[in-house]
């Protein structure tokens, strides 16, 4: 069986979403969501003011939009480090919240897929041909916890 998730409101696996309200402390800051953490990391060394604005923004949707702003260029090494940054945030989120950590572990060896209709890198994409990197990271974190 494959486990699909997308929206944080969807049951029973909405907590897999980077938009789920499972905050955590990492690198000396409190992150409201993993989306906040991930998007802000794009600017931690290049634009401290923008980093702080993403950290403080109210919603994960706003953090995502800010992190994709064309007026704030990505670091030159972003493509090389983005997967490890995502994994670091996912690991901390599930470490901080034992209740969702147990639910992740309880998925056993099932395939986990972010059913994003638009994202062919982090998700499966509209037609299921995406790389599903977020699902892969969730499964990797699950394996670490076992």
N, C-alpha and C. Protein backbone atom coordinates (compact mmCIF):
# COMPACT_ATOMS: atom_id res chain seq x y z
N UNK A 1 0.84 -1.19 0.00
CA UNK A 1 0.00 0.00 0.00
C UNK A 1 0.88 1.25 0.00
N UNK A 2 0.46 2.24 -0.72
CA UNK A 2 1.16 3.52 -0.75
C UNK A 2 0.40 4.52 0.11
N UNK A 3 1.14 5.28 0.90
CA UNK A 3 0.56 6.32 1.74
C UNK A 3 0.74 7.65 1.03
N UNK A 4 -0.37 8.31 0.74
CA UNK A 4 -0.35 9.61 0.08
C UNK A 4 -0.70 10.70 1.09
N UNK A 5 -0.07 11.85 0.93
CA UNK A 5 -0.41 13.01 1.74
C UNK A 5 -0.20 14.26 0.90
N UNK A 6 -0.81 15.33 1.30
CA UNK A 6 -0.57 16.62 0.67
C UNK A 6 -0.90 17.75 1.63
N UNK A 7 -2.16 17.96 1.91
CA UNK A 7 -2.59 19.06 2.78
C UNK A 7 -2.43 18.68 4.25
N UNK A 8 -2.02 19.63 5.08
CA UNK A 8 -1.91 19.32 6.51
C UNK A 8 -3.27 19.03 7.17
N UNK A 9 -4.35 19.40 6.52
CA UNK A 9 -5.70 19.15 7.05
C UNK A 9 -6.20 17.74 6.74
N UNK A 10 -5.57 17.06 5.82
CA UNK A 10 -6.00 15.71 5.43
C UNK A 10 -5.65 14.69 6.51
N UNK A 11 -6.59 13.82 6.77
CA UNK A 11 -6.35 12.75 7.73
C UNK A 11 -6.15 11.44 6.98
N UNK A 12 -5.36 10.53 7.44
CA UNK A 12 -4.67 10.61 8.72
C UNK A 12 -3.22 11.09 8.63
N UNK A 13 -2.74 11.48 7.44
CA UNK A 13 -1.31 11.74 7.28
C UNK A 13 -0.96 13.20 6.96
N UNK A 14 -1.83 14.12 7.27
CA UNK A 14 -1.56 15.53 7.01
C UNK A 14 -0.32 16.05 7.72
N UNK A 15 0.05 15.43 8.82
CA UNK A 15 1.23 15.87 9.56
C UNK A 15 2.53 15.64 8.80
N UNK A 16 2.50 14.86 7.73
CA UNK A 16 3.69 14.70 6.89
C UNK A 16 4.01 15.99 6.13
N UNK A 17 3.01 16.82 5.92
CA UNK A 17 3.18 18.05 5.15
C UNK A 17 4.13 19.02 5.85
N UNK A 18 4.94 19.72 5.07
CA UNK A 18 5.80 20.77 5.62
C UNK A 18 4.98 21.93 6.16
N UNK A 19 3.71 22.00 5.79
CA UNK A 19 2.84 23.08 6.26
C UNK A 19 2.15 22.74 7.57
N UNK A 20 2.32 21.50 8.08
CA UNK A 20 1.66 21.14 9.33
C UNK A 20 2.25 21.95 10.48
N UNK A 21 1.39 22.29 11.42
CA UNK A 21 1.78 23.16 12.54
C UNK A 21 2.45 22.36 13.65
N UNK A 22 3.60 21.80 13.32
CA UNK A 22 4.43 21.08 14.28
C UNK A 22 5.77 21.79 14.35
N UNK A 23 5.81 22.83 15.18
CA UNK A 23 7.00 23.65 15.28
C UNK A 23 8.13 22.95 16.01
N UNK A 24 9.32 23.51 15.88
CA UNK A 24 10.51 22.92 16.50
C UNK A 24 11.61 23.98 16.62
N UNK A 25 12.53 23.69 17.52
CA UNK A 25 13.71 24.55 17.68
C UNK A 25 14.86 23.93 16.92
N UNK A 26 15.56 24.76 16.16
CA UNK A 26 16.70 24.28 15.40
C UNK A 26 17.59 25.47 15.06
N UNK A 27 18.89 25.29 15.21
CA UNK A 27 19.88 26.33 14.91
C UNK A 27 19.63 27.61 15.72
N UNK A 28 19.10 27.45 16.91
CA UNK A 28 18.90 28.58 17.79
C UNK A 28 17.63 29.39 17.56
N UNK A 29 16.74 28.89 16.73
CA UNK A 29 15.48 29.59 16.42
C UNK A 29 14.31 28.64 16.58
N UNK A 30 13.12 29.22 16.87
CA UNK A 30 11.88 28.44 16.89
C UNK A 30 11.21 28.60 15.53
N UNK A 31 10.94 27.48 14.87
CA UNK A 31 10.31 27.45 13.55
C UNK A 31 8.86 26.99 13.69
N UNK A 32 7.92 27.76 13.20
CA UNK A 32 6.50 27.41 13.31
C UNK A 32 6.16 26.16 12.51
N UNK A 33 6.81 26.00 11.37
CA UNK A 33 6.61 24.85 10.50
C UNK A 33 7.93 24.50 9.83
N UNK A 34 7.99 23.32 9.25
CA UNK A 34 9.18 22.97 8.49
C UNK A 34 9.31 23.82 7.22
N UNK A 35 8.19 24.30 6.71
CA UNK A 35 8.24 25.18 5.53
C UNK A 35 8.97 26.48 5.88
N UNK A 36 8.68 27.03 7.05
CA UNK A 36 9.39 28.23 7.50
C UNK A 36 10.90 27.96 7.54
N UNK A 37 11.27 26.85 8.16
CA UNK A 37 12.68 26.50 8.29
C UNK A 37 13.36 26.38 6.92
N UNK A 38 12.75 25.58 6.07
CA UNK A 38 13.35 25.31 4.77
C UNK A 38 13.51 26.58 3.95
N UNK A 39 12.45 27.38 3.85
CA UNK A 39 12.51 28.58 3.01
C UNK A 39 13.52 29.60 3.56
N UNK A 40 13.59 29.75 4.87
CA UNK A 40 14.52 30.72 5.46
C UNK A 40 15.97 30.32 5.24
N UNK A 41 16.24 29.02 5.16
CA UNK A 41 17.62 28.58 4.99
C UNK A 41 18.24 29.05 3.68
N UNK A 42 17.41 29.40 2.74
CA UNK A 42 17.91 29.92 1.47
C UNK A 42 18.66 31.24 1.66
N UNK A 43 18.38 31.92 2.76
CA UNK A 43 18.91 33.28 2.94
C UNK A 43 19.71 33.46 4.22
N UNK A 44 20.00 32.38 4.91
CA UNK A 44 20.69 32.46 6.20
C UNK A 44 22.05 33.15 6.08
N UNK A 45 22.72 32.99 4.95
CA UNK A 45 24.04 33.60 4.78
C UNK A 45 24.04 34.79 3.82
N UNK A 46 23.00 34.92 3.02
CA UNK A 46 23.02 35.95 1.97
C UNK A 46 22.13 37.16 2.25
N UNK A 47 21.09 36.99 3.07
CA UNK A 47 20.13 38.08 3.29
C UNK A 47 19.48 37.90 4.66
N UNK A 48 20.18 38.34 5.70
CA UNK A 48 19.74 38.11 7.08
C UNK A 48 18.37 38.73 7.36
N UNK A 49 18.10 39.88 6.80
CA UNK A 49 16.81 40.54 7.03
C UNK A 49 15.67 39.70 6.45
N UNK A 50 15.86 39.19 5.24
CA UNK A 50 14.83 38.36 4.61
C UNK A 50 14.65 37.05 5.38
N UNK A 51 15.77 36.47 5.84
CA UNK A 51 15.75 35.28 6.69
C UNK A 51 14.85 35.52 7.91
N UNK A 52 15.05 36.64 8.59
CA UNK A 52 14.28 36.96 9.79
C UNK A 52 12.81 37.21 9.48
N UNK A 53 12.53 37.79 8.33
CA UNK A 53 11.13 38.01 7.94
C UNK A 53 10.42 36.68 7.69
N UNK A 54 11.10 35.75 7.05
CA UNK A 54 10.50 34.43 6.81
C UNK A 54 10.28 33.71 8.14
N UNK A 55 11.25 33.80 9.02
CA UNK A 55 11.14 33.20 10.35
C UNK A 55 9.88 33.69 11.07
N UNK A 56 9.57 34.97 10.94
CA UNK A 56 8.49 35.60 11.70
C UNK A 56 7.12 35.57 11.02
N UNK A 57 7.07 35.26 9.74
CA UNK A 57 5.80 35.33 9.02
C UNK A 57 4.79 34.34 9.61
N UNK A 58 3.52 34.69 9.55
CA UNK A 58 2.47 33.93 10.25
C UNK A 58 2.17 32.55 9.67
N UNK A 59 2.16 32.42 8.35
CA UNK A 59 1.70 31.16 7.76
C UNK A 59 2.79 30.48 6.93
N UNK A 60 2.70 29.16 6.80
CA UNK A 60 3.66 28.46 5.94
C UNK A 60 3.48 28.85 4.46
N UNK A 61 2.25 29.20 4.09
CA UNK A 61 2.01 29.63 2.71
C UNK A 61 2.81 30.92 2.42
N UNK A 62 2.80 31.84 3.37
CA UNK A 62 3.55 33.09 3.21
C UNK A 62 5.05 32.81 3.18
N UNK A 63 5.51 31.90 4.02
CA UNK A 63 6.94 31.54 4.02
C UNK A 63 7.35 30.96 2.67
N UNK A 64 6.50 30.10 2.11
CA UNK A 64 6.79 29.50 0.81
C UNK A 64 6.87 30.57 -0.28
N UNK A 65 5.92 31.49 -0.26
CA UNK A 65 5.90 32.55 -1.26
C UNK A 65 7.16 33.43 -1.14
N UNK A 66 7.51 33.76 0.08
CA UNK A 66 8.70 34.61 0.30
C UNK A 66 9.98 33.89 -0.14
N UNK A 67 10.05 32.60 0.14
CA UNK A 67 11.23 31.83 -0.24
C UNK A 67 11.41 31.68 -1.73
N UNK A 68 10.34 31.89 -2.47
CA UNK A 68 10.39 31.78 -3.94
C UNK A 68 10.44 33.14 -4.64
N UNK A 69 10.57 34.20 -3.86
CA UNK A 69 10.56 35.55 -4.42
C UNK A 69 11.74 35.76 -5.37
N UNK A 70 11.46 36.16 -6.60
CA UNK A 70 12.54 36.38 -7.56
C UNK A 70 13.43 37.57 -7.20
N UNK A 71 12.96 38.43 -6.29
CA UNK A 71 13.78 39.58 -5.90
C UNK A 71 14.84 39.21 -4.86
N UNK A 72 14.83 37.96 -4.42
CA UNK A 72 15.82 37.48 -3.46
C UNK A 72 16.47 36.22 -4.04
N UNK A 73 17.61 36.37 -4.71
CA UNK A 73 18.23 35.23 -5.39
C UNK A 73 18.72 34.15 -4.43
N UNK A 74 18.68 32.93 -4.93
CA UNK A 74 19.13 31.78 -4.16
C UNK A 74 20.65 31.75 -4.08
N UNK A 75 21.20 31.16 -3.03
CA UNK A 75 22.65 30.98 -2.98
C UNK A 75 23.11 30.09 -4.12
N UNK A 76 24.32 30.26 -4.56
CA UNK A 76 24.82 29.50 -5.71
C UNK A 76 24.86 28.00 -5.45
N UNK A 77 25.00 27.59 -4.20
CA UNK A 77 25.09 26.16 -3.87
C UNK A 77 23.76 25.54 -3.48
N UNK A 78 22.64 26.26 -3.67
CA UNK A 78 21.35 25.79 -3.16
C UNK A 78 20.98 24.40 -3.66
N UNK A 79 21.15 24.15 -4.93
CA UNK A 79 20.77 22.84 -5.49
C UNK A 79 21.56 21.70 -4.85
N UNK A 80 22.75 21.99 -4.38
CA UNK A 80 23.59 20.96 -3.75
C UNK A 80 23.19 20.68 -2.30
N UNK A 81 22.60 21.66 -1.63
CA UNK A 81 22.34 21.52 -0.19
C UNK A 81 20.87 21.40 0.18
N UNK A 82 19.95 21.65 -0.75
CA UNK A 82 18.54 21.74 -0.39
C UNK A 82 17.96 20.44 0.17
N UNK A 83 18.38 19.29 -0.34
CA UNK A 83 17.86 18.02 0.18
C UNK A 83 18.30 17.79 1.62
N UNK A 84 19.56 18.07 1.92
CA UNK A 84 20.05 17.86 3.29
C UNK A 84 19.41 18.83 4.26
N UNK A 85 19.11 20.05 3.81
CA UNK A 85 18.42 21.02 4.66
C UNK A 85 17.00 20.54 4.94
N UNK A 86 16.32 20.05 3.92
CA UNK A 86 14.98 19.51 4.12
C UNK A 86 15.02 18.34 5.11
N UNK A 87 15.95 17.45 4.95
CA UNK A 87 16.04 16.30 5.84
C UNK A 87 16.31 16.74 7.29
N UNK A 88 17.16 17.72 7.47
CA UNK A 88 17.46 18.23 8.82
C UNK A 88 16.20 18.76 9.49
N UNK A 89 15.39 19.52 8.76
CA UNK A 89 14.14 20.04 9.30
C UNK A 89 13.13 18.95 9.60
N UNK A 90 12.97 18.01 8.67
CA UNK A 90 12.02 16.90 8.86
C UNK A 90 12.41 16.08 10.09
N UNK A 91 13.69 15.77 10.21
CA UNK A 91 14.17 14.98 11.35
C UNK A 91 13.87 15.70 12.67
N UNK A 92 14.12 17.01 12.71
CA UNK A 92 13.89 17.75 13.94
C UNK A 92 12.40 17.85 14.27
N UNK A 93 11.59 18.04 13.26
CA UNK A 93 10.13 18.10 13.46
C UNK A 93 9.62 16.82 14.12
N UNK A 94 10.02 15.68 13.61
CA UNK A 94 9.53 14.42 14.13
C UNK A 94 10.20 14.05 15.46
N UNK A 95 11.42 14.50 15.68
CA UNK A 95 12.09 14.28 16.95
C UNK A 95 11.41 15.09 18.06
N UNK A 96 10.97 16.30 17.72
CA UNK A 96 10.34 17.20 18.68
C UNK A 96 8.95 16.73 19.10
N UNK A 97 8.26 16.05 18.20
CA UNK A 97 6.86 15.66 18.44
C UNK A 97 6.74 14.13 18.45
N UNK A 98 6.86 13.52 19.63
CA UNK A 98 6.84 12.05 19.72
C UNK A 98 5.56 11.42 19.19
N UNK A 99 4.43 12.14 19.27
CA UNK A 99 3.17 11.57 18.80
C UNK A 99 3.18 11.35 17.29
N UNK A 100 3.75 12.27 16.53
CA UNK A 100 3.81 12.07 15.08
C UNK A 100 5.00 11.18 14.69
N UNK A 101 6.04 11.20 15.52
CA UNK A 101 7.16 10.28 15.29
C UNK A 101 6.65 8.84 15.33
N UNK A 102 5.81 8.51 16.32
CA UNK A 102 5.27 7.15 16.43
C UNK A 102 4.36 6.82 15.24
N UNK A 103 3.60 7.79 14.78
CA UNK A 103 2.74 7.56 13.61
C UNK A 103 3.57 7.33 12.35
N UNK A 104 4.69 8.05 12.22
CA UNK A 104 5.60 7.84 11.09
C UNK A 104 6.18 6.43 11.15
N UNK A 105 6.68 6.04 12.31
CA UNK A 105 7.25 4.70 12.47
C UNK A 105 6.21 3.63 12.16
N UNK A 106 4.96 3.88 12.58
CA UNK A 106 3.87 2.91 12.38
C UNK A 106 3.52 2.67 10.92
N UNK A 107 4.04 3.51 10.01
CA UNK A 107 3.79 3.28 8.59
C UNK A 107 4.60 2.09 8.06
N UNK A 108 5.46 1.55 8.91
CA UNK A 108 6.21 0.35 8.54
C UNK A 108 7.15 0.58 7.38
N UNK A 109 6.98 -0.20 6.34
CA UNK A 109 7.84 -0.06 5.16
C UNK A 109 7.04 0.43 3.95
N UNK A 110 5.88 1.03 4.24
CA UNK A 110 5.03 1.53 3.15
C UNK A 110 5.71 2.69 2.41
N UNK A 111 5.44 2.79 1.14
CA UNK A 111 5.90 3.90 0.33
C UNK A 111 5.11 5.15 0.74
N UNK A 112 5.80 6.27 0.95
CA UNK A 112 5.16 7.53 1.31
C UNK A 112 5.36 8.49 0.14
N UNK A 113 4.26 9.07 -0.33
CA UNK A 113 4.30 9.95 -1.51
C UNK A 113 3.57 11.25 -1.22
N UNK A 114 4.26 12.38 -1.46
CA UNK A 114 3.57 13.66 -1.41
C UNK A 114 2.79 13.80 -2.72
N UNK A 115 1.47 13.84 -2.61
CA UNK A 115 0.60 13.86 -3.79
C UNK A 115 0.36 15.31 -4.23
N UNK A 116 1.45 15.99 -4.53
CA UNK A 116 1.35 17.37 -5.00
C UNK A 116 1.06 17.36 -6.49
N UNK A 117 0.02 18.06 -6.91
CA UNK A 117 -0.28 18.10 -8.34
C UNK A 117 0.68 18.99 -9.14
N UNK A 118 1.45 19.82 -8.44
CA UNK A 118 2.32 20.77 -9.14
C UNK A 118 3.82 20.51 -8.96
N UNK A 119 4.18 19.83 -7.90
CA UNK A 119 5.59 19.70 -7.56
C UNK A 119 6.15 18.36 -8.04
N UNK A 120 7.04 18.43 -9.01
CA UNK A 120 7.64 17.23 -9.58
C UNK A 120 9.01 16.93 -8.95
N UNK A 121 9.45 17.78 -8.05
CA UNK A 121 10.70 17.51 -7.34
C UNK A 121 10.40 16.92 -5.96
N UNK A 122 9.74 17.69 -5.10
CA UNK A 122 9.43 17.22 -3.75
C UNK A 122 8.27 16.23 -3.75
N UNK A 123 7.38 16.35 -4.70
CA UNK A 123 6.19 15.50 -4.74
C UNK A 123 6.17 14.57 -5.94
N UNK A 124 5.02 13.94 -6.10
CA UNK A 124 4.84 13.01 -7.20
C UNK A 124 4.35 13.66 -8.48
N UNK A 125 3.95 14.94 -8.39
CA UNK A 125 3.44 15.62 -9.57
C UNK A 125 2.04 15.16 -9.94
N UNK A 126 1.45 15.85 -10.87
CA UNK A 126 0.07 15.57 -11.28
C UNK A 126 -0.11 14.15 -11.80
N UNK A 127 0.88 13.66 -12.53
CA UNK A 127 0.75 12.35 -13.15
C UNK A 127 1.52 11.24 -12.43
N UNK A 128 2.09 11.56 -11.27
CA UNK A 128 2.81 10.54 -10.50
C UNK A 128 4.23 10.27 -10.95
N UNK A 129 4.74 11.07 -11.89
CA UNK A 129 6.09 10.83 -12.39
C UNK A 129 7.15 11.68 -11.69
N UNK A 130 6.74 12.43 -10.65
CA UNK A 130 7.68 13.29 -9.93
C UNK A 130 8.69 12.49 -9.12
N UNK A 131 9.72 13.18 -8.65
CA UNK A 131 10.81 12.54 -7.92
C UNK A 131 10.44 12.19 -6.47
N UNK A 132 9.43 12.83 -5.91
CA UNK A 132 8.95 12.52 -4.55
C UNK A 132 10.06 12.61 -3.50
N UNK A 133 10.89 13.62 -3.58
CA UNK A 133 12.01 13.76 -2.65
C UNK A 133 11.55 13.91 -1.20
N UNK A 134 10.42 14.61 -0.96
CA UNK A 134 9.94 14.73 0.42
C UNK A 134 9.51 13.37 0.96
N UNK A 135 8.82 12.59 0.16
CA UNK A 135 8.45 11.24 0.57
C UNK A 135 9.67 10.40 0.87
N UNK A 136 10.71 10.51 0.03
CA UNK A 136 11.95 9.76 0.26
C UNK A 136 12.60 10.16 1.58
N UNK A 137 12.59 11.46 1.86
CA UNK A 137 13.18 11.94 3.12
C UNK A 137 12.38 11.43 4.31
N UNK A 138 11.06 11.46 4.22
CA UNK A 138 10.24 10.93 5.31
C UNK A 138 10.55 9.45 5.57
N UNK A 139 10.72 8.69 4.50
CA UNK A 139 11.03 7.26 4.67
C UNK A 139 12.44 7.07 5.25
N UNK A 140 13.36 7.93 4.86
CA UNK A 140 14.72 7.87 5.40
C UNK A 140 14.73 8.20 6.89
N UNK A 141 13.97 9.23 7.28
CA UNK A 141 13.86 9.61 8.69
C UNK A 141 13.18 8.48 9.47
N UNK A 142 12.15 7.89 8.89
CA UNK A 142 11.48 6.75 9.53
C UNK A 142 12.47 5.63 9.80
N UNK A 143 13.33 5.34 8.83
CA UNK A 143 14.34 4.28 9.00
C UNK A 143 15.33 4.63 10.11
N UNK A 144 15.67 5.89 10.26
CA UNK A 144 16.58 6.32 11.33
C UNK A 144 15.97 6.08 12.70
N UNK A 145 14.66 6.25 12.81
CA UNK A 145 13.98 6.08 14.09
C UNK A 145 13.82 4.62 14.49
N UNK A 146 13.90 3.73 13.56
CA UNK A 146 13.67 2.30 13.87
C UNK A 146 14.86 1.68 14.56
